[in-house]
Amino acid sequence: MAQQAYATETDGGGSDPERRETRIRRLLDRVVTGWRGDRGIWRRGVITAAVAVLLAVVMAAHSRIPNAVGNLGSLTETFLPWFGLLIPVLLVIAVVRKSATALIALVLPVSVWLNLFGGLLFDKTGTGGDLTVVTHNVNAANADPAGTARAVAASGADVLALEELKAAAVPTYEKVLAAKYPHHAVVGTVGLWSTYPISDVRAVDIRLGWKRAMRATVATPSGPLAVYVAHLPSVRVKMEAGFTARQRDKSADALGEAIADEELPRTILLGDLNGTMNDRALTAVTSQMRSPQGAVGSGFGFSWPASFPMARIDQILVRGVEPMTSWTLPATGSDHLPIAARVRVDTTTD
C-alpha cells in the first residue's frame, strides 16, 4: 500500500491542485514539527514584534505626525505606500527567528497597510466618458521638446496641460501641437491646449511672485468647464532642514482658495502639485476635489521620477464631473511621467 501511494504521487497521479496541496501540507508539517515543543517561540523576536507594532502605528497615525520639525509628517505621507516594503522584511526575520510573537504582531501592519492602500491593488478602470485630459511636467531641461509634444498629442487628449515650460521651448510646443489643438494659452511657465474653444484665461496668484498657475474656461460639448493648471513649488529633502516645503504649502493654500471661489460647478485641476494625495499640506485643494486615480484607476499611478517612479506628485483632480478611468502614460524626455484620465462632463444621465 505504501509503495502504491508513492507511485501515485510521483508518477503523476491525482490533479495538480491535489499535488500542490500535498506539498504545502508537508511544508507546514515541517514548520510545525520544528517549532513544536520550542518554548522560545514566544520569547524570541520581541524586538521584531515591537518594530511591527511601531510600523503599524506610524501608518495608522500618519496624520498625527507633526510637521513642526522638518515637515516630518508630510515627508512620511509622501512615501507612505513604501512603508509596506518593511512587512516582508519583518516576516523573513520572524520566520528565521522562529518567533510566534513577531508573526502575530505582523498582523497589525498588514491590516493597516491593506486598509490604506488595498483598494489600489485592484483594477477599477471603467469605460465611457466624454472628455480625456492629460497633464505633464515637461521639464525645463527637456532636450527633446518636439518629441515630448508628439508623445502627449498621441495620447488622445482633448485637453492637455503642460507645466515647467521654458520660454525658449514654447514655440516648439505650439508648432507641434497646433494641428491637433487649435486653441491654447500659455501663462508664465504653464500652458493649456484644447480641441475645444477656451476663454476667460487668467493667471492664478499662488503667492510666488511669478506665474506658475492659470485658469481657463473650456467650452466642451457638454457645457463650460473650469480648468486650472498649476505647478506648485518644489520640495527638497535636506539633512539639516528636513523636508523643506513651506513655500509649496503656502501656494497650495492659495490654489485651494482660488478653486473654492470658482463659480462654475464643473472644475478640473491639472498639474504638478509636488505632493501626494496623502500629504496633509495639500488639504486646501484635495479636500474639495476627487482623484480619478484613487476612484477609478489601476495601481498607485506613480509619476515621479520617470526613471523609477516612487510617488504620484502629478495630479488630476475633479469636481462636478464623473471620473471614468485613469492611467499613466509612457515616459518622454521629461523626468516626470504624463498622466491621463477620462471623465464624463455631462452628468445629467446619472
Protein backbone atom coordinates (compact mmCIF):
# COMPACT_ATOMS: atom_id res chain seq x y z
CA MET A 1 0.00 0.00 0.00
CA ALA A 2 2.81 2.40 0.89
CA GLN A 3 4.58 1.61 -2.38
CA GLN A 4 1.40 2.17 -4.35
CA ALA A 5 0.84 5.56 -2.73
CA TYR A 6 4.40 6.53 -3.56
CA ALA A 7 3.93 5.58 -7.19
CA THR A 8 0.71 7.52 -7.47
CA GLU A 9 2.28 10.66 -6.06
CA THR A 10 5.50 10.60 -8.08
CA ASP A 11 4.14 9.20 -11.33
CA GLY A 12 1.62 11.99 -11.86
CA GLY A 13 -1.43 10.52 -10.14
CA GLY A 14 -4.01 12.98 -8.87
CA SER A 15 -4.72 16.52 -10.05
CA ASP A 16 -2.25 19.40 -9.93
CA PRO A 17 -4.16 21.18 -7.14
CA GLU A 18 -4.05 18.00 -5.07
CA ARG A 19 -0.29 17.66 -5.53
CA ARG A 20 0.25 21.33 -4.62
CA GLU A 21 -1.92 20.90 -1.55
CA THR A 22 0.16 17.87 -0.53
CA ARG A 23 3.42 19.82 -0.87
CA ILE A 24 2.05 22.75 1.13
CA ARG A 25 0.82 20.39 3.84
CA ARG A 26 4.24 18.78 4.06
CA LEU A 27 5.94 22.16 4.35
CA LEU A 28 3.58 23.24 7.11
CA ASP A 29 4.10 19.92 8.89
CA ARG A 30 7.87 20.50 8.86
CA VAL A 31 7.44 24.02 10.25
CA VAL A 32 5.07 22.86 12.98
CA THR A 33 7.31 19.91 13.83
CA GLY A 34 10.36 22.16 14.01
CA TRP A 35 8.59 24.61 16.28
CA ARG A 36 6.65 22.11 18.40
CA GLY A 37 7.93 22.00 21.93
CA ASP A 38 10.09 25.07 21.38
CA ARG A 39 9.08 27.29 24.27
CA GLY A 40 11.30 30.06 22.96
CA ILE A 41 8.97 30.84 20.07
CA TRP A 42 7.13 33.29 22.34
CA ARG A 43 10.25 34.85 23.87
CA ARG A 44 12.25 35.31 20.68
CA GLY A 45 11.61 38.15 18.24
CA VAL A 46 10.33 40.66 20.78
CA ILE A 47 12.24 43.47 19.08
CA THR A 48 10.90 42.42 15.68
CA ALA A 49 7.39 42.40 17.12
CA ALA A 50 7.92 45.87 18.59
CA VAL A 51 9.10 47.18 15.21
CA ALA A 52 5.99 45.68 13.57
CA VAL A 53 3.72 47.41 16.07
CA LEU A 54 5.59 50.72 15.61
CA LEU A 55 5.24 50.39 11.82
CA ALA A 56 1.50 49.88 12.21
CA VAL A 57 1.20 52.91 14.47
CA VAL A 58 3.17 55.15 12.07
CA MET A 59 0.99 54.15 9.12
CA ALA A 60 -2.29 54.35 11.02
CA ALA A 61 -1.49 57.66 12.73
CA HIS A 62 0.49 59.35 9.93
CA SER A 63 -1.78 62.40 10.07
CA ARG A 64 -0.73 62.97 13.68
CA ILE A 65 2.99 63.07 12.95
CA PRO A 66 3.84 66.76 13.42
CA ASN A 67 5.22 68.97 10.68
CA ALA A 68 6.82 71.31 13.17
CA VAL A 69 10.23 69.69 12.79
CA GLY A 70 11.41 69.30 9.21
CA ASN A 71 7.87 68.68 7.90
CA LEU A 72 8.31 65.08 9.01
CA GLY A 73 4.61 64.41 8.69
CA SER A 74 4.45 65.45 5.03
CA LEU A 75 7.63 63.53 4.26
CA THR A 76 6.13 60.38 5.78
CA GLU A 77 2.88 60.84 3.87
CA THR A 78 4.68 61.39 0.57
CA PHE A 79 6.23 57.93 0.64
CA LEU A 80 3.65 56.21 2.85
CA PRO A 81 2.86 53.31 0.46
CA TRP A 82 6.52 52.26 0.52
CA PHE A 83 6.36 51.56 4.24
CA GLY A 84 4.71 48.31 3.23
CA LEU A 85 8.06 47.03 1.98
CA LEU A 86 9.14 46.64 5.60
CA ILE A 87 6.48 43.98 6.16
CA PRO A 88 8.09 41.15 4.12
CA VAL A 89 11.45 42.03 5.68
CA LEU A 90 10.00 41.63 9.16
CA LEU A 91 8.24 38.45 8.05
CA VAL A 92 11.51 36.87 6.96
CA ILE A 93 13.15 37.84 10.24
CA ALA A 94 10.23 36.38 12.20
CA VAL A 95 10.41 33.08 10.33
CA VAL A 96 14.19 32.80 10.60
CA ARG A 97 13.99 33.61 14.30
CA LYS A 98 11.09 31.17 14.71
CA SER A 99 9.16 33.82 16.60
CA ALA A 100 5.43 33.31 17.02
CA THR A 101 5.25 36.66 18.81
CA ALA A 102 6.64 38.53 15.80
CA LEU A 103 4.40 36.67 13.37
CA ILE A 104 1.30 37.58 15.32
CA ALA A 105 2.42 41.20 15.66
CA LEU A 106 2.81 41.44 11.87
CA VAL A 107 -0.96 41.11 11.52
CA LEU A 108 -1.20 44.75 12.64
CA PRO A 109 0.89 46.47 9.91
CA VAL A 110 -0.53 44.14 7.25
CA SER A 111 -4.08 45.12 8.25
CA VAL A 112 -3.28 48.83 8.36
CA TRP A 113 -1.50 48.84 5.00
CA LEU A 114 -4.33 46.94 3.32
CA ASN A 115 -6.85 49.32 4.83
CA LEU A 116 -4.93 52.31 3.45
CA PHE A 117 -3.88 51.01 0.07
CA GLY A 118 -5.53 47.64 -0.53
CA GLY A 119 -8.10 49.21 -2.85
CA LEU A 120 -5.32 50.38 -5.16
CA LEU A 121 -4.25 46.80 -5.81
CA PHE A 122 -7.34 46.19 -7.91
CA ASP A 123 -8.09 47.49 -11.38
CA LYS A 124 -11.06 49.85 -11.07
CA THR A 125 -10.80 51.37 -14.53
CA GLY A 126 -14.06 51.80 -16.39
CA THR A 127 -15.23 52.80 -19.84
CA GLY A 128 -17.17 55.68 -21.27
CA GLY A 129 -16.76 59.35 -20.62
CA ASP A 130 -16.81 62.33 -22.96
CA LEU A 131 -13.51 64.11 -22.23
CA THR A 132 -9.91 62.94 -21.98
CA VAL A 133 -7.46 65.12 -20.07
CA VAL A 134 -3.68 64.82 -19.78
CA THR A 135 -1.15 66.71 -17.69
CA HIS A 136 2.61 66.61 -17.97
CA ASN A 137 5.52 68.39 -16.35
CA VAL A 138 7.70 68.53 -19.45
CA ASN A 139 10.89 69.57 -17.56
CA ALA A 140 12.56 72.86 -18.44
CA ALA A 141 15.76 70.94 -19.23
CA ASN A 142 13.99 68.62 -21.70
CA ALA A 143 16.36 68.02 -24.61
CA ASP A 144 13.56 66.92 -26.95
CA PRO A 145 10.51 69.18 -26.55
CA ALA A 146 9.24 68.28 -30.03
CA GLY A 147 9.30 64.57 -29.23
CA THR A 148 7.57 65.18 -25.92
CA ALA A 149 4.89 67.25 -27.65
CA ARG A 150 4.27 64.49 -30.21
CA ALA A 151 4.06 61.88 -27.45
CA VAL A 152 1.44 63.70 -25.40
CA ALA A 153 -0.55 64.62 -28.50
CA ALA A 154 -0.70 60.93 -29.40
CA SER A 155 -2.41 60.24 -26.07
CA GLY A 156 -5.76 61.26 -27.49
CA ALA A 157 -6.23 64.07 -25.00
CA ASP A 158 -8.99 66.59 -25.65
CA VAL A 159 -7.48 68.92 -23.06
CA LEU A 160 -3.75 68.98 -22.42
CA ALA A 161 -1.90 70.81 -19.66
CA LEU A 162 1.87 71.33 -19.66
CA GLU A 163 3.99 72.58 -16.79
CA GLU A 164 7.56 73.82 -16.47
CA LEU A 165 7.52 75.35 -19.92
CA LYS A 166 10.79 77.02 -20.78
CA ALA A 167 10.18 80.24 -22.69
CA ALA A 168 12.58 79.23 -25.47
CA ALA A 169 10.75 75.91 -25.92
CA VAL A 170 7.20 77.29 -26.03
CA PRO A 171 7.30 77.96 -29.84
CA THR A 172 8.27 74.30 -30.37
CA TYR A 173 5.32 73.04 -28.33
CA GLU A 174 2.99 75.47 -30.11
CA LYS A 175 4.16 74.36 -33.54
CA VAL A 176 3.94 70.61 -32.89
CA LEU A 177 0.59 70.79 -31.10
CA ALA A 178 -1.07 73.29 -33.43
CA ALA A 179 -2.55 70.74 -35.83
CA LYS A 180 -4.45 68.84 -33.15
CA TYR A 181 -5.12 71.64 -30.70
CA PRO A 182 -6.40 74.81 -32.38
CA HIS A 183 -6.93 76.52 -29.02
CA HIS A 184 -4.23 77.19 -26.48
CA ALA A 185 -2.96 79.66 -23.90
CA VAL A 186 0.33 79.97 -22.05
CA VAL A 187 0.64 81.86 -18.77
CA GLY A 188 4.13 82.05 -17.36
CA THR A 189 5.52 78.52 -17.21
CA VAL A 190 2.22 76.64 -17.60
CA GLY A 191 0.06 76.14 -20.65
CA LEU A 192 -3.25 74.70 -21.77
CA TRP A 193 -4.03 73.16 -25.17
CA SER A 194 -7.56 72.19 -26.16
CA THR A 195 -9.56 70.81 -29.05
CA TYR A 196 -12.42 72.98 -27.79
CA PRO A 197 -12.53 76.78 -27.54
CA ILE A 198 -11.10 78.33 -24.40
CA SER A 199 -11.86 81.69 -22.83
CA ASP A 200 -11.58 83.61 -19.56
CA VAL A 201 -7.88 82.86 -19.37
CA ARG A 202 -6.13 84.38 -16.39
CA ALA A 203 -3.22 83.81 -14.06
CA VAL A 204 -3.91 82.39 -10.61
CA ASP A 205 -1.94 84.01 -7.82
CA ILE A 206 -0.30 81.24 -5.79
CA ARG A 207 1.87 83.68 -3.85
CA LEU A 208 5.13 83.02 -5.65
CA GLY A 209 5.92 86.31 -7.30
CA TRP A 210 5.91 84.75 -10.75
CA LYS A 211 3.29 82.93 -12.81
CA ARG A 212 3.02 79.16 -12.38
CA ALA A 213 -0.75 78.70 -12.32
CA MET A 214 -3.63 79.62 -14.61
CA ARG A 215 -7.36 79.22 -15.03
CA ALA A 216 -9.44 78.97 -18.21
CA THR A 217 -12.95 78.05 -19.31
CA VAL A 218 -13.14 75.22 -21.86
CA ALA A 219 -16.33 75.13 -23.95
CA THR A 220 -16.91 71.37 -24.08
CA PRO A 221 -19.93 69.95 -25.96
CA SER A 222 -21.42 69.14 -22.54
CA GLY A 223 -21.06 72.68 -21.23
CA PRO A 224 -18.45 75.04 -19.82
CA LEU A 225 -15.67 73.54 -17.73
CA ALA A 226 -13.28 75.44 -15.48
CA VAL A 227 -9.75 74.12 -15.96
CA TYR A 228 -6.91 75.01 -13.63
CA VAL A 229 -3.28 74.31 -14.47
CA ALA A 230 -0.77 74.61 -11.65
CA HIS A 231 2.84 73.88 -10.84
CA LEU A 232 3.37 74.24 -7.13
CA PRO A 233 6.88 74.98 -5.79
CA SER A 234 9.31 72.12 -5.49
CA VAL A 235 10.18 70.48 -2.19
CA ARG A 236 13.57 69.28 -1.05
CA VAL A 237 14.84 66.79 1.48
CA LYS A 238 17.85 68.25 3.32
CA MET A 239 19.80 66.69 6.15
CA GLU A 240 19.96 69.97 8.07
CA ALA A 241 16.40 71.14 7.40
CA GLY A 242 14.36 68.01 6.70
CA PHE A 243 11.50 68.24 4.19
CA THR A 244 11.55 71.88 3.06
CA ALA A 245 8.05 72.56 1.76
CA ARG A 246 6.93 75.86 3.30
CA GLN A 247 6.54 77.71 0.00
CA ARG A 248 4.76 74.72 -1.57
CA ASP A 249 2.34 74.68 1.36
CA LYS A 250 1.57 78.41 1.05
CA SER A 251 0.96 78.05 -2.68
CA ALA A 252 -1.32 75.05 -2.10
CA ASP A 253 -3.42 77.12 0.29
CA ALA A 254 -3.68 79.93 -2.28
CA LEU A 255 -4.67 77.48 -5.02
CA GLY A 256 -7.28 75.98 -2.74
CA GLU A 257 -8.76 79.43 -2.12
CA ALA A 258 -8.98 80.10 -5.86
CA ILE A 259 -10.74 76.80 -6.51
CA ALA A 260 -13.13 77.42 -3.60
CA ASP A 261 -14.10 80.73 -5.24
CA GLU A 262 -14.70 79.13 -8.64
CA GLU A 263 -18.23 79.88 -9.89
CA LEU A 264 -18.52 77.12 -12.48
CA PRO A 265 -19.83 73.89 -10.93
CA ARG A 266 -17.62 71.67 -13.09
CA THR A 267 -13.90 72.02 -12.41
CA ILE A 268 -10.73 70.12 -13.24
CA LEU A 269 -7.27 70.75 -11.81
CA LEU A 270 -4.28 69.56 -13.84
CA GLY A 271 -0.70 69.91 -12.73
CA ASP A 272 2.40 69.09 -10.80
CA LEU A 273 1.45 69.69 -7.18
CA ASN A 274 4.75 68.39 -5.80
CA GLY A 275 2.77 66.39 -3.27
CA THR A 276 0.67 63.26 -2.97
CA MET A 277 -2.99 62.89 -2.07
CA ASN A 278 -1.89 61.67 1.36
CA ASP A 279 0.05 64.86 2.14
CA ARG A 280 -1.96 66.92 4.62
CA ALA A 281 -0.26 70.08 3.32
CA LEU A 282 -2.43 69.86 0.17
CA THR A 283 -5.69 69.57 2.10
CA ALA A 284 -6.85 73.01 0.94
CA VAL A 285 -7.02 71.52 -2.56
CA THR A 286 -7.62 67.81 -2.05
CA SER A 287 -10.49 68.30 0.39
CA GLN A 288 -12.52 69.92 -2.40
CA MET A 289 -11.78 67.53 -5.25
CA ARG A 290 -11.56 63.85 -6.17
CA SER A 291 -8.66 61.99 -7.70
CA PRO A 292 -9.68 59.80 -10.66
CA GLN A 293 -6.64 57.63 -9.95
CA GLY A 294 -7.93 56.80 -6.49
CA ALA A 295 -11.53 56.38 -7.65
CA VAL A 296 -11.22 54.57 -10.98
CA GLY A 297 -7.51 53.98 -11.57
CA SER A 298 -5.32 50.91 -11.51
CA GLY A 299 -2.43 50.76 -9.07
CA PHE A 300 -0.69 53.70 -7.45
CA GLY A 301 -0.09 55.66 -10.65
CA PHE A 302 3.32 56.92 -9.53
CA SER A 303 4.62 59.65 -11.84
CA TRP A 304 7.99 60.75 -10.45
CA PRO A 305 10.85 60.24 -11.08
CA ALA A 306 10.27 58.82 -14.54
CA SER A 307 13.29 56.50 -14.32
CA PHE A 308 11.90 54.78 -11.19
CA PRO A 309 8.54 56.26 -10.14
CA MET A 310 8.19 56.43 -6.36
CA ALA A 311 5.41 58.98 -5.79
CA ARG A 312 2.43 60.45 -7.56
CA ILE A 313 3.12 64.16 -7.29
CA ASP A 314 1.44 64.97 -10.61
CA GLN A 315 -2.31 65.13 -10.17
CA ILE A 316 -5.61 65.25 -11.99
CA LEU A 317 -8.39 66.32 -9.62
CA VAL A 318 -12.05 66.81 -10.46
CA ARG A 319 -15.18 68.38 -9.01
CA GLY A 320 -18.65 68.26 -10.52
CA VAL A 321 -17.63 65.75 -13.22
CA GLU A 322 -17.61 61.98 -13.06
CA PRO A 323 -14.23 60.19 -13.35
CA MET A 324 -14.39 57.08 -15.52
CA THR A 325 -10.80 55.86 -15.78
CA SER A 326 -7.23 56.98 -15.07
CA TRP A 327 -3.83 55.84 -16.28
CA THR A 328 -0.14 56.74 -16.57
CA LEU A 329 1.43 57.38 -19.97
CA PRO A 330 4.87 56.22 -21.20
CA ALA A 331 7.98 58.24 -20.43
CA THR A 332 9.02 61.18 -22.59
CA GLY A 333 12.14 63.34 -22.40
CA SER A 334 11.00 64.63 -19.01
CA ASP A 335 11.82 63.45 -15.51
CA HIS A 336 8.06 63.12 -14.88
CA LEU A 337 5.59 60.71 -16.45
CA PRO A 338 2.48 62.14 -18.13
CA ILE A 339 -0.81 61.12 -16.51
CA ALA A 340 -4.26 60.91 -18.06
CA ALA A 341 -7.90 60.50 -17.11
CA ARG A 342 -11.20 60.19 -18.90
CA VAL A 343 -14.20 61.86 -17.32
CA ARG A 344 -17.86 62.42 -18.02
CA VAL A 345 -18.65 66.12 -18.08
CA ASP A 346 -22.29 65.51 -18.89
CA THR A 347 -23.58 64.13 -15.60
CA THR A 348 -27.29 64.64 -16.43
CA THR A 349 -27.56 60.96 -17.39
CA ASP A 350 -26.76 59.83 -13.81
